[in-house]
C-alpha atoms as a PDB file:
ATOM      1  CA  MET A   1    -102.282-106.184 -73.991  1.00  0.00           C
ATOM      2  CA  SER A   2    -100.442-102.956 -74.479  1.00  0.00           C
ATOM      3  CA  ASN A   3    -101.330-100.552 -77.269  1.00  0.00           C
ATOM      4  CA  GLN A   4     -97.701 -99.455 -77.422  1.00  0.00           C
ATOM      5  CA  LYS A   5     -96.075-100.086 -80.823  1.00  0.00           C
ATOM      6  CA  LEU A   6     -93.115-102.427 -80.484  1.00  0.00           C
ATOM      7  CA  THR A   7     -90.279-101.331 -82.731  1.00  0.00           C
ATOM      8  CA  HIS A   8     -86.557-101.939 -82.955  1.00  0.00           C
ATOM      9  CA  PRO A   9     -83.941-100.658 -85.416  1.00  0.00           C
ATOM     10  CA  LYS A  10     -83.063-104.253 -86.411  1.00  0.00           C
ATOM     11  CA  ILE A  11     -86.619-104.873 -87.728  1.00  0.00           C
ATOM     12  CA  LEU A  12     -86.498-103.911 -91.394  1.00  0.00           C
ATOM     13  CA  SER A  13     -88.945-103.915 -94.283  1.00  0.00           C
ATOM     14  CA  ARG A  14     -87.823-105.660 -97.470  1.00  0.00           C
ATOM     15  CA  SER A  15     -86.890-102.347 -99.097  1.00  0.00           C
ATOM     16  CA  GLN A  16     -84.906-101.236 -96.035  1.00  0.00           C
ATOM     17  CA  LEU A  17     -83.184-104.616 -95.996  1.00  0.00           C
ATOM     18  CA  SER A  18     -82.288-104.331 -99.701  1.00  0.00           C
ATOM     19  CA  ASP A  19     -80.654-100.941 -99.091  1.00  0.00           C
ATOM     20  CA  THR A  20     -78.783-102.298 -96.060  1.00  0.00           C
ATOM     21  CA  LEU A  21     -77.590-105.368 -97.984  1.00  0.00           C
ATOM     22  CA  GLU A  22     -76.204-103.168-100.749  1.00  0.00           C
ATOM     23  CA  THR A  23     -74.015-101.418 -98.188  1.00  0.00           C
ATOM     24  CA  LEU A  24     -72.980-104.674 -96.493  1.00  0.00           C
ATOM     25  CA  ARG A  25     -71.985-106.296 -99.782  1.00  0.00           C
ATOM     26  CA  LYS A  26     -69.680-103.368-100.594  1.00  0.00           C
ATOM     27  CA  THR A  27     -67.737-104.236 -97.440  1.00  0.00           C
ATOM     28  CA  ASN A  28     -67.663-107.968 -98.291  1.00  0.00           C
ATOM     29  CA  LYS A  29     -69.745-109.030 -95.310  1.00  0.00           C
ATOM     30  CA  ARG A  30     -70.688-112.720 -95.267  1.00  0.00           C
ATOM     31  CA  ILE A  31     -74.502-112.934 -95.131  1.00  0.00           C
ATOM     32  CA  VAL A  32     -76.231-115.782 -93.275  1.00  0.00           C
ATOM     33  CA  PHE A  33     -79.976-116.347 -93.560  1.00  0.00           C
ATOM     34  CA  THR A  34     -82.409-118.467 -91.603  1.00  0.00           C
ATOM     35  CA  ASN A  35     -86.153-118.343 -91.163  1.00  0.00           C
ATOM     36  CA  GLY A  36     -89.050-119.584 -89.088  1.00  0.00           C
ATOM     37  CA  CYS A  37     -92.082-118.787 -86.967  1.00  0.00           C
ATOM     38  CA  PHE A  38     -90.334-118.424 -83.593  1.00  0.00           C
ATOM     39  CA  ASP A  39     -93.681-118.241 -81.780  1.00  0.00           C
ATOM     40  CA  ILE A  40     -92.440-118.839 -78.223  1.00  0.00           C
ATOM     41  CA  ILE A  41     -88.695-118.392 -77.925  1.00  0.00           C
ATOM     42  CA  HIS A  42     -86.999-121.304 -76.139  1.00  0.00           C
ATOM     43  CA  PRO A  43     -83.388-122.518 -75.654  1.00  0.00           C
ATOM     44  CA  GLY A  44     -83.460-124.476 -78.920  1.00  0.00           C
ATOM     45  CA  HIS A  45     -84.167-121.283 -80.862  1.00  0.00           C
ATOM     46  CA  VAL A  46     -81.521-119.241 -79.065  1.00  0.00           C
ATOM     47  CA  ASP A  47     -78.890-121.958 -79.532  1.00  0.00           C
ATOM     48  CA  LEU A  48     -79.636-122.383 -83.248  1.00  0.00           C
ATOM     49  CA  LEU A  49     -79.495-118.622 -83.878  1.00  0.00           C
ATOM     50  CA  GLU A  50     -76.261-118.266 -81.907  1.00  0.00           C
ATOM     51  CA  ARG A  51     -74.587-121.058 -83.875  1.00  0.00           C
ATOM     52  CA  ALA A  52     -75.962-119.761 -87.205  1.00  0.00           C
ATOM     53  CA  LYS A  53     -74.422-116.330 -86.581  1.00  0.00           C
ATOM     54  CA  LYS A  54     -70.962-117.899 -86.283  1.00  0.00           C
ATOM     55  CA  TYR A  55     -71.049-118.807 -89.983  1.00  0.00           C
ATOM     56  CA  GLY A  56     -70.898-115.195 -91.132  1.00  0.00           C
ATOM     57  CA  ASP A  57     -70.787-111.518 -90.322  1.00  0.00           C
ATOM     58  CA  VAL A  58     -74.509-110.778 -90.567  1.00  0.00           C
ATOM     59  CA  LEU A  59     -77.449-113.004 -89.581  1.00  0.00           C
ATOM     60  CA  ILE A  60     -80.752-112.137 -91.215  1.00  0.00           C
ATOM     61  CA  LEU A  61     -83.857-113.795 -89.816  1.00  0.00           C
ATOM     62  CA  GLY A  62     -86.857-114.161 -92.121  1.00  0.00           C
ATOM     63  CA  LEU A  63     -89.863-114.252 -89.795  1.00  0.00           C
ATOM     64  CA  ASN A  64     -93.197-115.667 -90.935  1.00  0.00           C
ATOM     65  CA  SER A  65     -96.060-113.177 -90.954  1.00  0.00           C
ATOM     66  CA  ASP A  66     -99.056-114.084 -88.794  1.00  0.00           C
ATOM     67  CA  ASP A  67    -101.024-115.242 -91.855  1.00  0.00           C
ATOM     68  CA  SER A  68     -98.082-117.312 -93.044  1.00  0.00           C
ATOM     69  CA  VAL A  69     -97.890-119.046 -89.648  1.00  0.00           C
ATOM     70  CA  ARG A  70    -101.630-119.789 -89.784  1.00  0.00           C
ATOM     71  CA  ARG A  71    -101.153-121.502 -93.142  1.00  0.00           C
ATOM     72  CA  GLN A  72     -98.458-123.792 -91.684  1.00  0.00           C
ATOM     73  CA  ASN A  73    -101.087-125.982 -89.933  1.00  0.00           C
ATOM     74  CA  LYS A  74     -99.530-125.476 -86.517  1.00  0.00           C
ATOM     75  CA  GLY A  75    -102.931-125.121 -84.882  1.00  0.00           C
ATOM     76  CA  PRO A  76    -105.939-122.806 -85.088  1.00  0.00           C
ATOM     77  CA  ASP A  77    -104.657-120.463 -82.387  1.00  0.00           C
ATOM     78  CA  ARG A  78    -101.162-119.994 -83.797  1.00  0.00           C
ATOM     79  CA  PRO A  79     -99.254-117.844 -83.718  1.00  0.00           C
ATOM     80  CA  LEU A  80     -99.717-117.160 -80.042  1.00  0.00           C
ATOM     81  CA  ASN A  81     -97.608-114.030 -80.391  1.00  0.00           C
ATOM     82  CA  SER A  82     -98.102-111.544 -83.228  1.00  0.00           C
ATOM     83  CA  PHE A  83     -95.378-110.775 -85.747  1.00  0.00           C
ATOM     84  CA  GLU A  84     -94.740-107.479 -83.968  1.00  0.00           C
ATOM     85  CA  VAL A  85     -94.152-109.237 -80.623  1.00  0.00           C
ATOM     86  CA  ARG A  86     -92.040-112.040 -82.109  1.00  0.00           C
ATOM     87  CA  ALA A  87     -89.905-109.624 -84.145  1.00  0.00           C
ATOM     88  CA  PHE A  88     -89.392-107.327 -81.147  1.00  0.00           C
ATOM     89  CA  VAL A  89     -88.152-110.163 -78.917  1.00  0.00           C
ATOM     90  CA  LEU A  90     -85.906-111.632 -81.631  1.00  0.00           C
ATOM     91  CA  ALA A  91     -84.419-108.251 -82.548  1.00  0.00           C
ATOM     92  CA  HIS A  92     -83.095-108.010 -79.002  1.00  0.00           C
ATOM     93  CA  LEU A  93     -81.003-111.158 -79.393  1.00  0.00           C
ATOM     94  CA  GLU A  94     -77.339-110.321 -79.909  1.00  0.00           C
ATOM     95  CA  SER A  95     -76.923-113.027 -82.553  1.00  0.00           C
ATOM     96  CA  ILE A  96     -79.498-111.497 -84.888  1.00  0.00           C
ATOM     97  CA  SER A  97     -78.435-108.633 -87.126  1.00  0.00           C
ATOM     98  CA  PHE A  98     -81.787-108.001 -88.823  1.00  0.00           C
ATOM     99  CA  VAL A  99     -85.348-109.348 -88.761  1.00  0.00           C
ATOM    100  CA  THR A 100     -87.623-109.057 -91.765  1.00  0.00           C
ATOM    101  CA  GLU A 101     -91.112-110.373 -92.444  1.00  0.00           C
ATOM    102  CA  PHE A 102     -92.203-112.720 -95.182  1.00  0.00           C
ATOM    103  CA  THR A 103     -95.858-113.246 -95.986  1.00  0.00           C
ATOM    104  CA  GLU A 104     -95.540-116.145 -98.409  1.00  0.00           C
ATOM    105  CA  ASP A 105     -95.734-119.817 -97.393  1.00  0.00           C
ATOM    106  CA  THR A 106     -91.989-120.183 -97.969  1.00  0.00           C
ATOM    107  CA  PRO A 107     -89.121-117.697 -97.756  1.00  0.00           C
ATOM    108  CA  LEU A 108     -88.025-118.271-101.377  1.00  0.00           C
ATOM    109  CA  LYS A 109     -88.800-114.715-102.586  1.00  0.00           C
ATOM    110  CA  LEU A 110     -86.940-113.309 -99.587  1.00  0.00           C
ATOM    111  CA  ILE A 111     -83.952-115.581-100.255  1.00  0.00           C
ATOM    112  CA  GLU A 112     -83.933-114.343-103.870  1.00  0.00           C
ATOM    113  CA  ILE A 113     -83.713-110.768-102.576  1.00  0.00           C
ATOM    114  CA  ILE A 114     -81.108-111.466 -99.888  1.00  0.00           C
ATOM    115  CA  GLN A 115     -78.877-113.829-101.908  1.00  0.00           C
ATOM    116  CA  PRO A 116     -77.256-115.192 -98.733  1.00  0.00           C
ATOM    117  CA  ASP A 117     -73.809-116.754 -98.680  1.00  0.00           C
ATOM    118  CA  ILE A 118     -75.032-119.304 -96.132  1.00  0.00           C
ATOM    119  CA  LEU A 119     -78.581-120.653 -95.742  1.00  0.00           C
ATOM    120  CA  ILE A 120     -79.258-122.387 -92.423  1.00  0.00           C
ATOM    121  CA  LYS A 121     -82.181-124.347 -91.010  1.00  0.00           C
ATOM    122  CA  GLY A 122     -82.552-126.524 -87.941  1.00  0.00           C
ATOM    123  CA  GLY A 123     -81.762-130.223 -88.037  1.00  0.00           C
ATOM    124  CA  ASP A 124     -85.440-131.091 -88.393  1.00  0.00           C
ATOM    125  CA  TRP A 125     -84.961-130.039 -92.044  1.00  0.00           C
ATOM    126  CA  SER A 126     -82.905-132.310 -94.287  1.00  0.00           C
ATOM    127  CA  PRO A 127     -80.690-130.238 -96.606  1.00  0.00           C
ATOM    128  CA  ASP A 128     -82.495-131.478 -99.734  1.00  0.00           C
ATOM    129  CA  LYS A 129     -85.810-130.100 -98.369  1.00  0.00           C
ATOM    130  CA  ILE A 130     -84.516-126.624 -97.487  1.00  0.00           C
ATOM    131  CA  VAL A 131     -86.264-123.962 -99.572  1.00  0.00           C
ATOM    132  CA  GLY A 132     -83.756-121.893-101.540  1.00  0.00           C
ATOM    133  CA  LYS A 133     -81.060-124.577-101.548  1.00  0.00           C
ATOM    134  CA  GLU A 134     -80.584-124.580-105.334  1.00  0.00           C
ATOM    135  CA  LEU A 135     -80.452-120.787-105.529  1.00  0.00           C
ATOM    136  CA  VAL A 136     -77.801-120.467-102.792  1.00  0.00           C
ATOM    137  CA  GLU A 137     -75.658-123.347-104.057  1.00  0.00           C
ATOM    138  CA  LYS A 138     -75.856-122.084-107.659  1.00  0.00           C
ATOM    139  CA  LYS A 139     -74.061-118.893-106.635  1.00  0.00           C
ATOM    140  CA  GLY A 140     -71.461-120.834-104.637  1.00  0.00           C
ATOM    141  CA  GLY A 141     -73.050-120.560-101.201  1.00  0.00           C
ATOM    142  CA  GLN A 142     -73.573-123.220 -98.539  1.00  0.00           C
ATOM    143  CA  VAL A 143     -76.788-124.759 -97.221  1.00  0.00           C
ATOM    144  CA  LEU A 144     -76.615-126.232 -93.730  1.00  0.00           C
ATOM    145  CA  SER A 145     -78.963-128.127 -91.463  1.00  0.00           C
ATOM    146  CA  LEU A 146     -77.733-127.635 -87.888  1.00  0.00           C
ATOM    147  CA  GLU A 147     -78.481-130.169 -85.176  1.00  0.00           C
ATOM    148  CA  LEU A 148     -81.068-129.019 -82.659  1.00  0.00           C
ATOM    149  CA  ILE A 149     -80.917-129.274 -78.881  1.00  0.00           C
ATOM    150  CA  LYS A 150     -83.124-132.234 -78.076  1.00  0.00           C
ATOM    151  CA  GLY A 151     -86.217-131.742 -75.951  1.00  0.00           C
ATOM    152  CA  TYR A 152     -87.191-128.209 -76.933  1.00  0.00           C
ATOM    153  CA  SER A 153     -90.182-127.535 -79.119  1.00  0.00           C
ATOM    154  CA  THR A 154     -92.729-124.733 -79.249  1.00  0.00           C
ATOM    155  CA  THR A 155     -95.492-127.227 -80.044  1.00  0.00           C
ATOM    156  CA  ALA A 156     -94.558-129.420 -77.043  1.00  0.00           C
ATOM    157  CA  LEU A 157     -94.373-126.365 -74.775  1.00  0.00           C
ATOM    158  CA  ILE A 158     -97.820-125.195 -75.889  1.00  0.00           C
ATOM    159  CA  GLU A 159     -99.217-128.673 -75.259  1.00  0.00           C
ATOM    160  CA  LYS A 160     -97.791-128.678 -71.712  1.00  0.00           C
ATOM    161  CA  ILE A 161     -99.406-125.328 -71.033  1.00  0.00           C
ATOM    162  CA  ARG A 162    -102.750-126.503 -72.434  1.00  0.00           C
ATOM    163  CA  CYS A 163    -102.653-129.608 -70.255  1.00  0.00           C
ATOM    164  CA  GLY A 164    -101.918-127.560 -67.175  1.00  0.00           C
ATOM    165  CA  VAL A 165     -98.504-129.158 -66.737  1.00  0.00           C
ATOM    166  CA  SER A 166     -95.986-126.781 -65.288  1.00  0.00           C
ATOM    167  CA  PRO A 167     -93.331-126.195 -67.931  1.00  0.00           C
ATOM    168  CA  SER A 168     -89.994-127.125 -66.400  1.00  0.00           C
ATOM    169  CA  LEU A 169     -86.543-126.024 -67.442  1.00  0.00           C
ATOM    170  CA  LYS A 170     -86.155-129.346 -69.213  1.00  0.00           C
ATOM    171  CA  GLN A 171     -88.935-130.116 -71.613  1.00  0.00           C
END
């Protein structure tokens, strides 16, 4: 493991994000928000983020902190990649405008700060279960659950690796 600090100008603290949003709102930019762990980036993630970006001008990704991931019951060794690593990789995706961390179990506090025009989750979330739905709809925004590419899952990929099965292009 490298001791080099991984940084990127698209990785913002909450206060930096608030300042940036103030500027974006003055220019009437349409703000899209999504969130998740994004532990091992796979085609399903990239596709979802690419499609989410098309709904607005700015895509903000709320990324679970390491402690928040651990509380999601994804396994005792998760996340495999630290927040710093996950944020660095995601910040390099063209579809993502900004990445910011949330430490809570849900992104509700972050959604309250961001006040997105569009809130998006993957199709494994039914719209009525999406955290922040009421808040976004109350101010006239949309909440969408986008269909996922079938066959791609971080959990399934980790299981293949653990079993010594060579991960193929098609999971």
